[in-house]
């Protein structure tokens, strides 16, 4: 397996996680599930950071 294949696989999984976060937040009640929404939003921010990191390294490969 080459570096670009690994990068692609990781980017694919991170994209799936980001979509899951988006979909999950839409299904939650804003007031009743505020703490859960906040946690999911934090996970989504971390995911975006990981995606940005992978995009930077992908330019090298």
C-alpha atoms as a PDB file:
ATOM      1  CA  UNK A   1       0.000   0.000   0.000  1.00  0.00           C
ATOM      2  CA  UNK A   2       1.350   3.407  -0.938  1.00  0.00           C
ATOM      3  CA  UNK A   3       1.205   6.624   1.055  1.00  0.00           C
ATOM      4  CA  UNK A   4      -1.421   8.158  -1.229  1.00  0.00           C
ATOM      5  CA  UNK A   5      -3.654   5.095  -0.693  1.00  0.00           C
ATOM      6  CA  UNK A   6      -3.408   5.454   3.068  1.00  0.00           C
ATOM      7  CA  UNK A   7      -4.138   9.163   2.854  1.00  0.00           C
ATOM      8  CA  UNK A   8      -7.168   8.468   0.662  1.00  0.00           C
ATOM      9  CA  UNK A   9      -8.507   5.839   3.095  1.00  0.00           C
ATOM     10  CA  UNK A  10      -8.087   8.133   6.079  1.00  0.00           C
ATOM     11  CA  UNK A  11      -9.722  11.045   4.263  1.00  0.00           C
ATOM     12  CA  UNK A  12     -12.634   8.793   3.302  1.00  0.00           C
ATOM     13  CA  UNK A  13     -13.176   7.685   6.909  1.00  0.00           C
ATOM     14  CA  UNK A  14     -12.867  11.233   8.231  1.00  0.00           C
ATOM     15  CA  UNK A  15     -15.446  12.353   5.661  1.00  0.00           C
ATOM     16  CA  UNK A  16     -17.802   9.629   6.853  1.00  0.00           C
ATOM     17  CA  UNK A  17     -17.326  10.713  10.470  1.00  0.00           C
ATOM     18  CA  UNK A  18     -18.022  14.322   9.566  1.00  0.00           C
ATOM     19  CA  UNK A  19     -21.239  13.341   7.753  1.00  0.00           C
ATOM     20  CA  UNK A  20     -22.297  11.210  10.713  1.00  0.00           C
ATOM     21  CA  UNK A  21     -21.810  14.164  13.053  1.00  0.00           C
ATOM     22  CA  UNK A  22     -23.857  16.440  10.788  1.00  0.00           C
ATOM     23  CA  UNK A  23     -26.670  13.912  10.463  1.00  0.00           C
ATOM     24  CA  UNK A  24     -26.722  13.172  14.183  1.00  0.00           C
ATOM     25  CA  UNK A  25     -27.022  16.816  15.183  1.00  0.00           C
ATOM     26  CA  UNK A  26     -29.978  17.303  12.828  1.00  0.00           C
ATOM     27  CA  UNK A  27     -31.883  14.488  14.557  1.00  0.00           C
ATOM     28  CA  UNK A  28     -31.447  15.919  18.073  1.00  0.00           C
ATOM     29  CA  UNK A  29     -33.630  18.393  19.930  1.00  0.00           C
ATOM     30  CA  UNK A  30     -31.658  21.640  20.478  1.00  0.00           C
ATOM     31  CA  UNK A  31     -32.705  22.175  24.098  1.00  0.00           C
ATOM     32  CA  UNK A  32     -33.142  18.647  25.390  1.00  0.00           C
ATOM     33  CA  UNK A  33     -29.892  17.395  23.880  1.00  0.00           C
ATOM     34  CA  UNK A  34     -27.797  20.564  24.145  1.00  0.00           C
ATOM     35  CA  UNK A  35     -24.921  18.818  25.940  1.00  0.00           C
ATOM     36  CA  UNK A  36     -24.799  16.005  23.383  1.00  0.00           C
ATOM     37  CA  UNK A  37     -24.938  18.489  20.510  1.00  0.00           C
ATOM     38  CA  UNK A  38     -22.063  20.408  22.057  1.00  0.00           C
ATOM     39  CA  UNK A  39     -19.992  17.228  22.300  1.00  0.00           C
ATOM     40  CA  UNK A  40     -20.745  16.249  18.708  1.00  0.00           C
ATOM     41  CA  UNK A  41     -19.809  19.749  17.532  1.00  0.00           C
ATOM     42  CA  UNK A  42     -16.478  19.388  19.320  1.00  0.00           C
ATOM     43  CA  UNK A  43     -15.896  16.038  17.592  1.00  0.00           C
ATOM     44  CA  UNK A  44     -16.748  17.680  14.279  1.00  0.00           C
ATOM     45  CA  UNK A  45     -14.180  20.453  14.916  1.00  0.00           C
ATOM     46  CA  UNK A  46     -11.541  17.842  15.707  1.00  0.00           C
ATOM     47  CA  UNK A  47     -12.472  15.977  12.549  1.00  0.00           C
ATOM     48  CA  UNK A  48     -12.060  19.144  10.459  1.00  0.00           C
ATOM     49  CA  UNK A  49      -8.630  19.649  12.039  1.00  0.00           C
ATOM     50  CA  UNK A  50      -7.662  16.111  11.052  1.00  0.00           C
ATOM     51  CA  UNK A  51      -8.966  16.634   7.524  1.00  0.00           C
ATOM     52  CA  UNK A  52      -6.952  19.846   7.216  1.00  0.00           C
ATOM     53  CA  UNK A  53      -3.848  18.011   8.429  1.00  0.00           C
ATOM     54  CA  UNK A  54      -4.375  15.242   5.892  1.00  0.00           C
ATOM     55  CA  UNK A  55      -4.952  17.783   3.104  1.00  0.00           C
ATOM     56  CA  UNK A  56      -1.621  19.428   3.909  1.00  0.00           C
ATOM     57  CA  UNK A  57       0.295  16.136   3.870  1.00  0.00           C
ATOM     58  CA  UNK A  58      -1.549  14.978   0.731  1.00  0.00           C
ATOM     59  CA  UNK A  59       0.061  17.848  -1.180  1.00  0.00           C
ATOM     60  CA  UNK A  60       3.421  16.236  -0.485  1.00  0.00           C
ATOM     61  CA  UNK A  61       2.342  12.881  -1.925  1.00  0.00           C
END
